[in-house]
N, C-alpha and C. Protein backbone atom coordinates (compact mmCIF):
# COMPACT_ATOMS: atom_id res chain seq x y z
N MET A 1 235.09 252.30 262.88
CA MET A 1 234.63 251.02 262.35
C MET A 1 233.64 251.27 261.23
N ALA A 2 233.86 250.63 260.11
CA ALA A 2 232.97 250.84 258.97
C ALA A 2 231.67 250.09 259.19
N GLY A 3 230.66 250.45 258.42
CA GLY A 3 229.41 249.71 258.50
C GLY A 3 228.54 250.24 259.62
N GLN A 4 227.33 249.73 259.61
CA GLN A 4 226.34 250.21 260.54
C GLN A 4 226.54 249.56 261.90
N MET A 5 226.19 250.30 262.95
CA MET A 5 226.25 249.76 264.30
C MET A 5 224.83 249.55 264.79
N PHE A 6 224.63 248.54 265.61
CA PHE A 6 223.30 248.27 266.15
C PHE A 6 223.35 248.29 267.67
N ASN A 7 222.37 248.94 268.26
CA ASN A 7 222.30 248.97 269.72
C ASN A 7 221.81 247.62 270.23
N ILE A 8 222.49 247.11 271.25
CA ILE A 8 222.02 245.86 271.85
C ILE A 8 221.65 246.06 273.31
N GLY A 9 221.92 247.23 273.84
CA GLY A 9 221.56 247.46 275.23
C GLY A 9 221.95 248.86 275.65
N LYS A 10 221.44 249.24 276.82
CA LYS A 10 221.78 250.55 277.36
C LYS A 10 222.34 250.35 278.76
N ILE A 11 223.45 250.98 279.04
CA ILE A 11 224.06 250.86 280.37
C ILE A 11 223.31 251.79 281.31
N VAL A 12 222.59 251.20 282.26
CA VAL A 12 221.76 252.04 283.12
C VAL A 12 222.46 252.39 284.42
N ASN A 13 223.43 251.57 284.82
CA ASN A 13 224.09 251.86 286.08
C ASN A 13 225.32 250.97 286.25
N THR A 14 226.09 251.29 287.29
CA THR A 14 227.14 250.37 287.68
C THR A 14 226.52 249.43 288.72
N HIS A 15 227.20 248.33 289.02
CA HIS A 15 226.68 247.39 290.00
C HIS A 15 227.84 246.93 290.87
N GLY A 16 227.75 247.22 292.16
CA GLY A 16 228.84 246.84 293.05
C GLY A 16 230.08 247.66 292.76
N ILE A 17 231.21 247.23 293.30
CA ILE A 17 232.43 248.06 293.16
C ILE A 17 233.47 247.41 292.27
N ARG A 18 233.17 246.23 291.73
CA ARG A 18 234.19 245.50 290.97
C ARG A 18 234.12 245.70 289.46
N GLY A 19 233.39 246.72 289.04
CA GLY A 19 233.41 247.03 287.61
C GLY A 19 232.26 246.43 286.82
N GLU A 20 231.30 245.83 287.51
CA GLU A 20 230.15 245.32 286.76
C GLU A 20 229.25 246.47 286.33
N ILE A 21 228.62 246.30 285.18
CA ILE A 21 227.64 247.30 284.74
C ILE A 21 226.29 246.62 284.58
N LYS A 22 225.25 247.43 284.75
CA LYS A 22 223.88 246.94 284.65
C LYS A 22 223.32 247.39 283.31
N VAL A 23 222.88 246.42 282.52
CA VAL A 23 222.45 246.72 281.16
C VAL A 23 220.98 246.39 280.97
N LEU A 24 220.26 247.34 280.40
CA LEU A 24 218.89 247.09 279.98
C LEU A 24 218.97 246.57 278.55
N ARG A 25 218.62 245.33 278.39
CA ARG A 25 218.83 244.66 277.10
C ARG A 25 217.82 245.13 276.06
N ILE A 26 218.28 245.42 274.85
CA ILE A 26 217.36 245.68 273.75
C ILE A 26 217.72 244.78 272.58
N THR A 27 218.28 243.64 272.90
CA THR A 27 218.66 242.71 271.85
C THR A 27 217.80 241.47 271.96
N ASP A 28 217.68 240.75 270.89
CA ASP A 28 216.86 239.55 270.89
C ASP A 28 217.70 238.29 271.04
N PHE A 29 219.01 238.43 271.15
CA PHE A 29 219.84 237.24 271.26
C PHE A 29 220.69 237.31 272.51
N GLU A 30 220.43 236.39 273.41
CA GLU A 30 221.14 236.39 274.67
C GLU A 30 222.65 236.22 274.48
N GLU A 31 223.03 235.47 273.44
CA GLU A 31 224.47 235.19 273.26
C GLU A 31 225.29 236.44 272.91
N ARG A 32 224.62 237.56 272.67
CA ARG A 32 225.35 238.82 272.51
C ARG A 32 226.23 239.10 273.71
N PHE A 33 225.79 238.62 274.89
CA PHE A 33 226.48 238.96 276.13
C PHE A 33 227.34 237.80 276.63
N ALA A 34 227.59 236.83 275.74
CA ALA A 34 228.39 235.68 276.16
C ALA A 34 229.83 236.12 276.42
N VAL A 35 230.47 235.41 277.34
CA VAL A 35 231.87 235.70 277.64
C VAL A 35 232.69 235.53 276.36
N GLY A 36 233.57 236.50 276.11
CA GLY A 36 234.40 236.45 274.91
C GLY A 36 233.86 237.29 273.77
N GLU A 37 232.58 237.66 273.83
CA GLU A 37 232.00 238.50 272.78
C GLU A 37 232.56 239.92 272.89
N LYS A 38 232.72 240.55 271.74
CA LYS A 38 233.16 241.95 271.73
C LYS A 38 231.95 242.85 271.53
N VAL A 39 231.92 243.94 272.30
CA VAL A 39 230.88 244.94 272.13
C VAL A 39 231.56 246.31 272.07
N TYR A 40 230.80 247.29 271.69
CA TYR A 40 231.35 248.64 271.53
C TYR A 40 230.51 249.64 272.31
N ILE A 41 231.20 250.62 272.85
CA ILE A 41 230.50 251.74 273.46
C ILE A 41 230.81 252.97 272.62
N ALA A 42 229.75 253.66 272.23
CA ALA A 42 229.94 254.88 271.46
C ALA A 42 230.23 256.00 272.43
N LYS A 43 231.40 256.61 272.29
CA LYS A 43 231.73 257.73 273.17
C LYS A 43 231.13 259.02 272.62
N GLU A 44 231.12 260.03 273.48
CA GLU A 44 230.49 261.28 273.07
C GLU A 44 231.14 261.89 271.84
N ASN A 45 232.45 261.72 271.71
CA ASN A 45 233.13 262.32 270.55
C ASN A 45 232.96 261.49 269.29
N GLY A 46 232.15 260.41 269.39
CA GLY A 46 231.87 259.63 268.19
C GLY A 46 232.78 258.44 267.99
N THR A 47 233.85 258.34 268.77
CA THR A 47 234.72 257.17 268.60
C THR A 47 234.10 255.98 269.32
N LEU A 48 234.50 254.79 268.89
CA LEU A 48 233.96 253.57 269.48
C LEU A 48 235.02 252.91 270.34
N LEU A 49 234.64 252.51 271.51
CA LEU A 49 235.54 251.81 272.41
C LEU A 49 235.19 250.32 272.34
N GLU A 50 236.18 249.50 271.98
CA GLU A 50 235.93 248.07 271.89
C GLU A 50 236.18 247.42 273.25
N LEU A 51 235.22 246.61 273.70
CA LEU A 51 235.35 245.95 274.99
C LEU A 51 235.09 244.46 274.81
N THR A 52 235.75 243.66 275.64
CA THR A 52 235.52 242.22 275.60
C THR A 52 234.82 241.80 276.89
N ILE A 53 233.73 241.08 276.73
CA ILE A 53 232.95 240.64 277.89
C ILE A 53 233.67 239.47 278.56
N ASP A 54 233.93 239.57 279.86
CA ASP A 54 234.49 238.40 280.53
C ASP A 54 233.64 237.95 281.72
N GLY A 55 232.46 238.52 281.83
CA GLY A 55 231.53 238.07 282.85
C GLY A 55 230.12 238.49 282.50
N HIS A 56 229.16 237.60 282.75
CA HIS A 56 227.76 237.93 282.46
C HIS A 56 226.87 237.13 283.38
N ARG A 57 225.92 237.81 284.02
CA ARG A 57 224.89 237.12 284.80
C ARG A 57 223.62 237.95 284.79
N MET A 58 222.52 237.31 285.13
CA MET A 58 221.25 238.03 285.18
C MET A 58 220.95 238.43 286.62
N HIS A 59 220.34 239.59 286.79
CA HIS A 59 220.00 240.05 288.13
C HIS A 59 218.76 240.93 288.03
N LYS A 60 217.65 240.45 288.57
CA LYS A 60 216.40 241.22 288.58
C LYS A 60 216.01 241.73 287.20
N GLY A 61 216.15 240.87 286.21
CA GLY A 61 215.71 241.25 284.86
C GLY A 61 216.71 242.07 284.08
N PHE A 62 217.84 242.40 284.69
CA PHE A 62 218.88 243.13 283.97
C PHE A 62 220.06 242.19 283.70
N ASP A 63 220.81 242.51 282.67
CA ASP A 63 222.05 241.79 282.43
C ASP A 63 223.16 242.52 283.17
N LEU A 64 223.92 241.79 283.96
CA LEU A 64 225.10 242.37 284.60
C LEU A 64 226.32 241.88 283.82
N ILE A 65 227.10 242.82 283.36
CA ILE A 65 228.20 242.49 282.47
C ILE A 65 229.50 243.03 283.04
N HIS A 66 230.55 242.25 282.86
CA HIS A 66 231.88 242.69 283.28
C HIS A 66 232.80 242.66 282.08
N PHE A 67 233.60 243.71 281.92
CA PHE A 67 234.53 243.79 280.79
C PHE A 67 235.94 243.46 281.23
N GLU A 68 236.64 242.77 280.34
CA GLU A 68 238.04 242.44 280.56
C GLU A 68 238.83 243.71 280.86
N GLY A 69 239.58 243.69 281.95
CA GLY A 69 240.46 244.83 282.25
C GLY A 69 239.78 245.99 282.96
N TYR A 70 238.49 245.89 283.21
CA TYR A 70 237.78 246.97 283.91
C TYR A 70 237.31 246.39 285.25
N ASN A 71 238.16 246.53 286.26
CA ASN A 71 237.90 245.78 287.50
C ASN A 71 237.48 246.65 288.66
N ASN A 72 237.16 247.90 288.37
CA ASN A 72 236.83 248.81 289.45
C ASN A 72 235.67 249.69 289.01
N ILE A 73 234.83 250.05 289.97
CA ILE A 73 233.67 250.88 289.63
C ILE A 73 234.11 252.18 288.94
N ASN A 74 235.28 252.70 289.31
CA ASN A 74 235.74 253.96 288.70
C ASN A 74 236.05 253.81 287.22
N ASP A 75 236.41 252.58 286.81
CA ASP A 75 236.72 252.36 285.40
C ASP A 75 235.48 252.41 284.52
N VAL A 76 234.33 252.13 285.13
CA VAL A 76 233.11 251.97 284.32
C VAL A 76 232.05 253.02 284.62
N GLU A 77 232.29 253.82 285.65
CA GLU A 77 231.33 254.85 286.07
C GLU A 77 230.90 255.72 284.89
N HIS A 78 231.87 256.10 284.05
CA HIS A 78 231.55 257.03 282.95
C HIS A 78 230.81 256.36 281.80
N PHE A 79 230.61 255.03 281.88
CA PHE A 79 229.84 254.36 280.83
C PHE A 79 228.33 254.56 281.02
N LYS A 80 227.94 255.02 282.20
CA LYS A 80 226.52 255.14 282.51
C LYS A 80 225.79 255.95 281.45
N GLY A 81 224.65 255.43 281.01
CA GLY A 81 223.86 256.15 280.01
C GLY A 81 224.30 255.87 278.60
N SER A 82 225.44 255.18 278.41
CA SER A 82 225.90 254.86 277.06
C SER A 82 225.14 253.69 276.49
N LYS A 83 225.19 253.60 275.17
CA LYS A 83 224.59 252.45 274.51
C LYS A 83 225.67 251.43 274.19
N LEU A 84 225.32 250.17 274.36
CA LEU A 84 226.21 249.09 273.94
C LEU A 84 225.85 248.74 272.52
N GLN A 85 226.85 248.57 271.69
CA GLN A 85 226.57 248.32 270.28
C GLN A 85 227.39 247.15 269.75
N ILE A 86 226.91 246.59 268.65
CA ILE A 86 227.73 245.64 267.91
C ILE A 86 227.78 246.11 266.46
N ALA A 87 228.78 245.64 265.76
CA ALA A 87 228.93 246.00 264.35
C ALA A 87 228.01 245.11 263.52
N GLU A 88 227.66 245.62 262.36
CA GLU A 88 226.73 244.91 261.49
C GLU A 88 227.24 243.49 261.19
N GLU A 89 228.54 243.35 260.98
CA GLU A 89 229.04 242.02 260.61
C GLU A 89 229.00 241.02 261.76
N GLN A 90 228.71 241.50 262.97
CA GLN A 90 228.55 240.58 264.09
C GLN A 90 227.13 240.04 264.17
N GLN A 91 226.25 240.59 263.37
CA GLN A 91 224.88 240.11 263.45
C GLN A 91 224.82 238.68 262.95
N LYS A 92 224.04 237.89 263.61
CA LYS A 92 223.91 236.49 263.24
C LYS A 92 223.03 236.38 262.00
N GLU A 93 223.32 235.38 261.18
CA GLU A 93 222.41 235.07 260.08
C GLU A 93 221.11 234.55 260.68
N LEU A 94 220.01 235.01 260.15
CA LEU A 94 218.74 234.63 260.73
C LEU A 94 218.04 233.57 259.89
N ASP A 95 217.25 232.74 260.57
CA ASP A 95 216.38 231.82 259.84
C ASP A 95 215.32 232.62 259.14
N GLU A 96 214.61 231.95 258.25
CA GLU A 96 213.63 232.61 257.41
C GLU A 96 212.59 233.39 258.21
N HIS A 97 212.15 232.83 259.34
CA HIS A 97 211.06 233.48 260.06
C HIS A 97 211.55 234.31 261.24
N GLU A 98 212.83 234.61 261.25
CA GLU A 98 213.37 235.42 262.34
C GLU A 98 213.64 236.83 261.83
N PHE A 99 213.47 237.77 262.70
CA PHE A 99 213.72 239.16 262.35
C PHE A 99 214.43 239.84 263.51
N TYR A 100 215.17 240.88 263.19
CA TYR A 100 215.75 241.67 264.26
C TYR A 100 214.69 242.60 264.84
N TYR A 101 214.82 242.88 266.12
CA TYR A 101 213.86 243.77 266.76
C TYR A 101 213.76 245.10 266.00
N HIS A 102 214.91 245.62 265.57
CA HIS A 102 214.87 246.94 264.94
C HIS A 102 214.14 246.90 263.60
N GLU A 103 213.97 245.70 263.02
CA GLU A 103 213.22 245.60 261.77
C GLU A 103 211.71 245.61 262.02
N ILE A 104 211.32 245.07 263.18
CA ILE A 104 209.90 244.91 263.50
C ILE A 104 209.33 246.17 264.15
N ILE A 105 210.12 246.76 265.05
CA ILE A 105 209.63 247.96 265.75
C ILE A 105 209.46 249.09 264.73
N GLY A 106 208.31 249.74 264.80
CA GLY A 106 208.03 250.81 263.84
C GLY A 106 207.19 250.35 262.66
N CYS A 107 206.99 249.03 262.53
CA CYS A 107 206.14 248.54 261.44
C CYS A 107 204.68 248.85 261.73
N GLU A 108 203.95 249.09 260.65
CA GLU A 108 202.51 249.32 260.78
C GLU A 108 201.81 247.96 260.72
N VAL A 109 200.80 247.80 261.55
CA VAL A 109 200.08 246.53 261.61
C VAL A 109 198.69 246.69 261.02
N LEU A 110 198.37 245.80 260.07
CA LEU A 110 197.05 245.82 259.45
C LEU A 110 196.40 244.45 259.61
N THR A 111 195.08 244.42 259.61
CA THR A 111 194.41 243.12 259.59
C THR A 111 194.30 242.66 258.14
N ILE A 112 193.94 241.39 257.96
CA ILE A 112 193.78 240.83 256.62
C ILE A 112 192.76 241.63 255.83
N SER A 113 191.75 242.15 256.53
CA SER A 113 190.72 242.93 255.83
C SER A 113 191.13 244.37 255.59
N GLY A 114 192.37 244.72 255.99
CA GLY A 114 192.89 246.04 255.65
C GLY A 114 192.71 247.11 256.70
N ASP A 115 192.19 246.74 257.88
CA ASP A 115 192.07 247.74 258.95
C ASP A 115 193.43 248.03 259.54
N LYS A 116 193.72 249.33 259.71
CA LYS A 116 194.99 249.70 260.35
C LYS A 116 194.82 249.61 261.86
N LEU A 117 195.73 248.89 262.50
CA LEU A 117 195.63 248.74 263.95
C LEU A 117 196.55 249.70 264.69
N GLY A 118 197.71 249.97 264.12
CA GLY A 118 198.66 250.85 264.80
C GLY A 118 200.08 250.46 264.43
N VAL A 119 201.01 250.86 265.27
CA VAL A 119 202.44 250.68 264.99
C VAL A 119 203.09 249.92 266.14
N ILE A 120 203.96 248.99 265.81
CA ILE A 120 204.64 248.22 266.85
C ILE A 120 205.64 249.11 267.57
N LYS A 121 205.50 249.19 268.90
CA LYS A 121 206.39 250.07 269.64
C LYS A 121 207.41 249.32 270.48
N GLU A 122 207.10 248.06 270.83
CA GLU A 122 208.11 247.27 271.54
C GLU A 122 207.80 245.80 271.42
N ILE A 123 208.77 244.99 271.81
CA ILE A 123 208.65 243.55 271.71
C ILE A 123 208.93 242.97 273.09
N LEU A 124 208.02 242.13 273.54
CA LEU A 124 208.20 241.47 274.83
C LEU A 124 208.55 240.01 274.57
N SER A 125 209.38 239.44 275.43
CA SER A 125 209.71 238.02 275.31
C SER A 125 209.36 237.30 276.60
N PRO A 126 208.06 237.13 276.84
CA PRO A 126 207.67 236.56 278.13
C PRO A 126 207.88 235.06 278.22
N GLY A 127 207.95 234.37 277.10
CA GLY A 127 208.05 232.92 277.19
C GLY A 127 208.27 232.29 275.84
N ALA A 128 207.38 231.37 275.49
CA ALA A 128 207.57 230.56 274.29
C ALA A 128 207.64 231.41 273.03
N ASN A 129 206.80 232.42 272.93
CA ASN A 129 206.86 233.26 271.73
C ASN A 129 206.88 234.73 272.11
N ASP A 130 207.45 235.55 271.23
CA ASP A 130 207.47 236.99 271.46
C ASP A 130 206.06 237.56 271.36
N VAL A 131 205.88 238.68 272.02
CA VAL A 131 204.62 239.40 271.94
C VAL A 131 204.93 240.81 271.46
N TRP A 132 204.24 241.21 270.40
CA TRP A 132 204.46 242.55 269.86
C TRP A 132 203.44 243.51 270.46
N VAL A 133 203.94 244.65 270.94
CA VAL A 133 203.06 245.67 271.54
C VAL A 133 202.75 246.72 270.47
N VAL A 134 201.47 246.83 270.16
CA VAL A 134 201.04 247.74 269.09
C VAL A 134 200.36 248.95 269.72
N LYS A 135 200.89 250.12 269.38
CA LYS A 135 200.29 251.36 269.87
C LYS A 135 199.20 251.78 268.90
N GLN A 136 197.98 251.83 269.41
CA GLN A 136 196.86 252.27 268.58
C GLN A 136 196.73 253.79 268.65
N GLU A 137 196.08 254.37 267.63
CA GLU A 137 195.88 255.82 267.68
C GLU A 137 195.01 256.19 268.87
N LYS A 138 193.97 255.38 269.10
CA LYS A 138 193.13 255.58 270.29
C LYS A 138 193.06 254.26 271.03
N GLY A 139 192.86 254.34 272.32
CA GLY A 139 192.66 253.11 273.07
C GLY A 139 193.98 252.54 273.57
N LYS A 140 193.86 251.40 274.26
CA LYS A 140 195.05 250.84 274.89
C LYS A 140 195.90 250.05 273.90
N ASP A 141 197.13 249.79 274.29
CA ASP A 141 198.02 249.02 273.44
C ASP A 141 197.46 247.62 273.19
N LEU A 142 197.70 247.13 271.99
CA LEU A 142 197.33 245.75 271.67
C LEU A 142 198.54 244.85 271.87
N LEU A 143 198.30 243.64 272.33
CA LEU A 143 199.38 242.66 272.46
C LEU A 143 199.15 241.58 271.43
N ILE A 144 200.10 241.44 270.51
CA ILE A 144 199.93 240.47 269.44
C ILE A 144 200.99 239.39 269.55
N PRO A 145 200.56 238.13 269.73
CA PRO A 145 201.55 237.06 269.83
C PRO A 145 202.17 236.79 268.46
N TYR A 146 203.49 236.65 268.43
CA TYR A 146 204.15 236.35 267.16
C TYR A 146 204.09 234.84 266.93
N ILE A 147 202.94 234.39 266.42
CA ILE A 147 202.76 232.98 266.08
C ILE A 147 202.15 232.90 264.69
N GLU A 148 202.34 231.77 264.06
CA GLU A 148 201.91 231.62 262.66
C GLU A 148 200.42 231.84 262.46
N GLU A 149 199.62 231.40 263.44
CA GLU A 149 198.15 231.53 263.28
C GLU A 149 197.74 233.00 263.18
N VAL A 150 198.55 233.88 263.75
CA VAL A 150 198.14 235.29 263.81
C VAL A 150 198.89 236.14 262.77
N VAL A 151 200.21 236.02 262.76
CA VAL A 151 201.01 236.89 261.88
C VAL A 151 201.12 236.24 260.51
N LYS A 152 200.51 236.88 259.52
CA LYS A 152 200.42 236.28 258.20
C LYS A 152 201.49 236.79 257.23
N GLU A 153 201.92 238.02 257.42
CA GLU A 153 202.82 238.60 256.42
C GLU A 153 203.68 239.65 257.10
N ILE A 154 204.98 239.59 256.82
CA ILE A 154 205.90 240.59 257.37
C ILE A 154 206.71 241.13 256.21
N ASP A 155 206.61 242.42 256.01
CA ASP A 155 207.40 243.05 254.96
C ASP A 155 208.25 244.15 255.59
N VAL A 156 209.51 243.82 255.89
CA VAL A 156 210.33 244.81 256.59
C VAL A 156 210.75 245.94 255.66
N GLU A 157 210.70 245.70 254.35
CA GLU A 157 211.06 246.78 253.40
C GLU A 157 210.04 247.92 253.49
N THR A 158 208.76 247.56 253.43
CA THR A 158 207.72 248.59 253.46
C THR A 158 207.23 248.85 254.88
N LYS A 159 207.81 248.13 255.86
CA LYS A 159 207.44 248.30 257.27
C LYS A 159 205.96 248.01 257.48
N LYS A 160 205.46 246.93 256.87
CA LYS A 160 204.06 246.56 257.05
C LYS A 160 203.95 245.12 257.50
N ILE A 161 203.02 244.89 258.44
CA ILE A 161 202.76 243.55 258.95
C ILE A 161 201.27 243.30 258.89
N VAL A 162 200.89 242.13 258.34
CA VAL A 162 199.48 241.78 258.23
C VAL A 162 199.18 240.66 259.21
N ILE A 163 198.13 240.85 260.01
CA ILE A 163 197.77 239.80 260.97
C ILE A 163 196.33 239.36 260.77
N GLU A 164 196.06 238.14 261.22
CA GLU A 164 194.69 237.65 261.27
C GLU A 164 194.34 237.53 262.74
N PRO A 165 193.55 238.49 263.25
CA PRO A 165 193.32 238.52 264.70
C PRO A 165 192.58 237.27 265.16
N MET A 166 193.02 236.70 266.27
CA MET A 166 192.29 235.60 266.90
C MET A 166 191.10 236.21 267.62
N GLU A 167 190.17 235.37 267.95
CA GLU A 167 189.00 235.85 268.69
C GLU A 167 189.46 236.48 270.00
N GLY A 168 188.94 237.65 270.29
CA GLY A 168 189.27 238.30 271.56
C GLY A 168 190.54 239.13 271.52
N LEU A 169 191.32 239.00 270.44
CA LEU A 169 192.62 239.69 270.40
C LEU A 169 192.45 241.21 270.38
N LEU A 170 191.42 241.67 269.68
CA LEU A 170 191.28 243.13 269.52
C LEU A 170 190.24 243.72 270.47
N ASP A 171 189.74 242.92 271.42
CA ASP A 171 188.74 243.46 272.35
C ASP A 171 189.35 244.49 273.27
């Protein structure tokens, strides 16, 4: 398949005996796992296996996914540890203030006054807004809410993000 592939999850285990797999999601769009969506598994030899999702449910924070035609644990056992991917052209068009996780992770975070805070290492989605986890050179991780009052500038080209810390944010 031409074009870039993007990881949307990692298959951590099988679930039950009917061919369900347990996926640790690394995508920001739940509809990636909707029934009828196509996903790809990169095999060790570099070829891509196209699969169609025909079942999806949540279980203890993991996505449980079932693929069309894979109805037995033995069919999916060898997928363990593989990454689930989608092709670049499957990516949704984003609104102006939306970004893909892979664009944000790895960005350097600075305050408006130019202090370097660290680098974003992961994104949490606990509720109404995402929270960016910033790894500082020293000290504990910072949690930065992705809201307009705080995040002032995002430049994915230069991998820089400028924030205006709220009171107590950097304590």
